Amino acid sequence: MTERYVQKVEVELRHGARRDQILGIVFQLMGLGLIPVAIYLNYWVFAAAGVALAFGIWLTQKFYSTPREYEYALSGSRLIVSRANLVGRGRRMLEIALADVSSYDGFYDMQMPSDFVAAGSVNAPGVKVIVFTAEGAEHRLLFEPDNYLHALLMSKLRTEQRGALPSEAQ
């Protein structure tokens, strides 16, 4: 088996994402178009231009910050989960020490607001859940490993837990 393995998972755009992009551009243009009109009218038109411009920027930013792909990297005794957005900027979401993992299984439960989701859809058949402890609290990671990453995780978790079991240390 390998010491370092990286898997990338593409994510579909959510429903309404293109609508957010188009409406964001329209509101930005409308806000910019109202500025010359506001010069000749009054301050309320300036306020409307500012609101339209801010709303357009917010919608556009919401579109461009949606995740495009997730990357799972198993390196040594750590699982590193990153995500890249539509612009291509990557951001590390989690770094989990395999010694902190308490369970690893298929996901057959409900998604909780406190879960870390690194999958396109939590309803997909290949979604797994890792329960781990960090900063004194228990967290869950929902992700979609391929068969090879699944086998690597199972192997590494067995060796991590075997070293921690007191009955086998004797």
Protein backbone atom coordinates (compact mmCIF):
# COMPACT_ATOMS: atom_id res chain seq x y z
CA MET A 1 0.00 0.00 0.00
CA THR A 2 1.05 3.57 -0.50
CA GLU A 3 2.12 6.06 2.13
CA ARG A 4 0.34 9.03 0.52
CA TYR A 5 -2.89 8.88 -1.45
CA VAL A 6 -4.94 11.77 -2.85
CA GLN A 7 -8.48 11.52 -4.19
CA LYS A 8 -10.50 14.32 -5.80
CA VAL A 9 -14.29 14.31 -5.94
CA GLU A 10 -16.12 16.63 -8.34
CA VAL A 11 -19.28 18.29 -7.05
CA GLU A 12 -22.31 19.26 -9.13
CA LEU A 13 -23.55 22.83 -8.99
CA ARG A 14 -26.52 23.19 -6.69
CA HIS A 15 -29.92 24.06 -8.10
CA GLY A 16 -30.24 27.79 -8.55
CA ALA A 17 -26.51 28.49 -8.64
CA ARG A 18 -26.55 29.84 -12.20
CA ARG A 19 -29.59 31.93 -11.32
CA ASP A 20 -27.61 33.49 -8.46
CA GLN A 21 -24.77 34.33 -10.81
CA ILE A 22 -27.03 35.94 -13.43
CA LEU A 23 -29.09 37.87 -10.88
CA GLY A 24 -25.91 39.04 -9.17
CA ILE A 25 -24.55 40.46 -12.40
CA VAL A 26 -27.91 42.09 -13.22
CA PHE A 27 -28.14 43.75 -9.78
CA GLN A 28 -24.55 44.97 -10.01
CA LEU A 29 -25.20 46.52 -13.41
CA MET A 30 -28.46 48.01 -12.19
CA GLY A 31 -26.70 49.52 -9.17
CA LEU A 32 -23.96 50.98 -11.33
CA GLY A 33 -26.57 52.32 -13.78
CA LEU A 34 -28.45 54.08 -10.99
CA ILE A 35 -25.41 56.09 -9.88
CA PRO A 36 -25.57 58.62 -12.77
CA VAL A 37 -29.34 58.90 -12.31
CA ALA A 38 -28.84 59.52 -8.58
CA ILE A 39 -26.57 62.47 -9.31
CA TYR A 40 -29.48 64.31 -10.92
CA LEU A 41 -32.24 63.15 -8.56
CA ASN A 42 -31.78 62.67 -4.80
CA TYR A 43 -30.04 60.68 -2.08
CA TRP A 44 -32.67 57.95 -1.97
CA VAL A 45 -31.64 56.82 -5.44
CA PHE A 46 -28.03 56.64 -4.16
CA ALA A 47 -29.27 54.37 -1.36
CA ALA A 48 -31.14 52.19 -3.86
CA ALA A 49 -28.01 52.01 -6.04
CA GLY A 50 -25.93 50.98 -3.03
CA VAL A 51 -28.42 48.30 -1.99
CA ALA A 52 -28.66 46.89 -5.52
CA LEU A 53 -24.87 46.88 -5.89
CA ALA A 54 -24.33 45.21 -2.50
CA PHE A 55 -27.01 42.57 -3.17
CA GLY A 56 -25.49 41.84 -6.59
CA ILE A 57 -22.02 41.45 -5.11
CA TRP A 58 -23.40 39.14 -2.40
CA LEU A 59 -25.18 36.91 -4.94
CA THR A 60 -22.13 36.72 -7.18
CA GLN A 61 -19.87 35.90 -4.24
CA LYS A 62 -22.31 33.22 -3.11
CA PHE A 63 -22.08 31.62 -6.57
CA TYR A 64 -18.29 31.73 -6.79
CA SER A 65 -17.76 30.37 -3.27
CA THR A 66 -19.74 27.17 -3.88
CA PRO A 67 -17.49 24.09 -3.76
CA ARG A 68 -16.40 22.60 -7.07
CA GLU A 69 -14.39 19.69 -5.76
CA TYR A 70 -13.24 18.08 -2.55
CA GLU A 71 -9.82 16.55 -2.06
CA TYR A 72 -9.05 13.81 0.46
CA ALA A 73 -5.38 13.21 1.18
CA LEU A 74 -4.30 10.31 3.39
CA SER A 75 -0.74 10.95 4.46
CA GLY A 76 0.93 8.88 7.14
CA SER A 77 -1.48 8.89 10.04
CA ARG A 78 -3.55 11.91 8.99
CA LEU A 79 -6.55 12.47 6.74
CA ILE A 80 -6.58 15.96 5.23
CA VAL A 81 -9.80 17.23 3.65
CA SER A 82 -9.70 20.29 1.39
CA ARG A 83 -12.19 21.97 -0.88
CA ALA A 84 -11.77 24.10 -4.00
CA ASN A 85 -14.39 26.60 -5.14
CA LEU A 86 -15.40 27.63 -8.67
CA VAL A 87 -12.61 30.19 -8.86
CA GLY A 88 -10.08 27.47 -8.08
CA ARG A 89 -9.06 28.61 -4.63
CA GLY A 90 -8.43 25.72 -2.31
CA ARG A 91 -9.03 25.74 1.40
CA ARG A 92 -8.18 23.11 3.99
CA MET A 93 -11.31 22.10 5.87
CA LEU A 94 -10.02 19.47 8.27
CA GLU A 95 -6.94 17.60 9.34
CA ILE A 96 -7.83 14.47 11.28
CA ALA A 97 -5.30 12.35 13.15
CA LEU A 98 -6.30 8.72 12.70
CA ALA A 99 -5.57 8.11 16.39
CA ASP A 100 -8.50 10.45 17.20
CA VAL A 101 -10.98 8.45 15.11
CA SER A 102 -13.51 6.54 17.17
CA SER A 103 -15.57 5.01 14.34
CA TYR A 104 -15.65 4.73 10.55
CA ASP A 105 -18.69 3.31 8.78
CA GLY A 106 -21.24 3.89 6.03
CA PHE A 107 -23.55 6.86 6.49
CA TYR A 108 -27.11 5.77 7.21
CA ASP A 109 -28.15 8.56 9.56
CA MET A 110 -29.42 12.13 9.35
CA GLN A 111 -27.15 15.04 8.61
CA MET A 112 -26.70 17.30 11.63
CA PRO A 113 -25.90 21.03 11.42
CA SER A 114 -22.57 20.43 13.18
CA ASP A 115 -21.37 17.83 10.63
CA PHE A 116 -18.49 18.54 8.28
CA VAL A 117 -19.80 17.68 4.81
CA ALA A 118 -17.21 16.98 2.12
CA ALA A 119 -19.44 15.20 -0.39
CA GLY A 120 -21.59 16.29 -3.28
CA SER A 121 -24.70 14.75 -1.76
CA VAL A 122 -25.08 13.04 1.59
CA ASN A 123 -27.75 10.80 0.04
CA ALA A 124 -25.28 9.18 -2.37
CA PRO A 125 -24.71 5.44 -1.80
CA GLY A 126 -20.93 5.68 -1.22
CA VAL A 127 -20.96 8.27 1.57
CA LYS A 128 -19.01 7.28 4.70
CA VAL A 129 -18.87 8.87 8.13
CA ILE A 130 -15.83 9.29 10.36
CA VAL A 131 -16.50 10.11 13.99
CA PHE A 132 -13.48 11.76 15.60
CA THR A 133 -12.58 13.75 18.68
CA ALA A 134 -11.03 17.20 18.38
CA GLU A 135 -10.66 19.89 21.03
CA GLY A 136 -12.58 17.81 23.56
CA ALA A 137 -15.70 17.44 21.39
CA GLU A 138 -16.90 14.70 19.08
CA HIS A 139 -17.37 15.61 15.40
CA ARG A 140 -18.48 13.80 12.25
CA LEU A 141 -17.07 14.02 8.74
CA LEU A 142 -19.28 12.92 5.83
CA PHE A 143 -17.28 12.16 2.68
CA GLU A 144 -17.16 9.92 -0.41
CA PRO A 145 -13.96 7.83 -0.50
CA ASP A 146 -13.25 5.56 -3.45
CA ASN A 147 -12.53 1.86 -2.91
CA TYR A 148 -8.78 2.31 -2.57
CA LEU A 149 -9.01 5.12 -0.02
CA HIS A 150 -11.61 3.08 1.88
CA ALA A 151 -9.22 0.10 2.02
CA LEU A 152 -6.33 2.33 3.09
CA LEU A 153 -8.40 3.90 5.86
CA MET A 154 -9.58 0.51 7.10
CA SER A 155 -6.00 -0.79 7.17
CA LYS A 156 -4.58 2.28 8.90
CA LEU A 157 -7.40 2.41 11.44
CA ARG A 158 -6.87 -1.26 12.30
CA THR A 159 -3.17 -0.67 12.94
CA GLU A 160 -3.86 2.53 14.93
CA GLN A 161 -6.44 0.80 17.13
CA ARG A 162 -4.32 -2.35 17.54
CA GLY A 163 -1.51 -0.29 19.02
CA ALA A 164 -3.92 1.36 21.41
CA LEU A 165 -5.60 -1.80 22.68
CA PRO A 166 -4.17 -2.87 26.08
CA SER A 167 -5.00 -6.57 25.62
CA GLU A 168 -2.68 -6.96 22.64
CA ALA A 169 0.16 -4.99 24.21
CA GLN A 170 0.87 -7.81 26.70
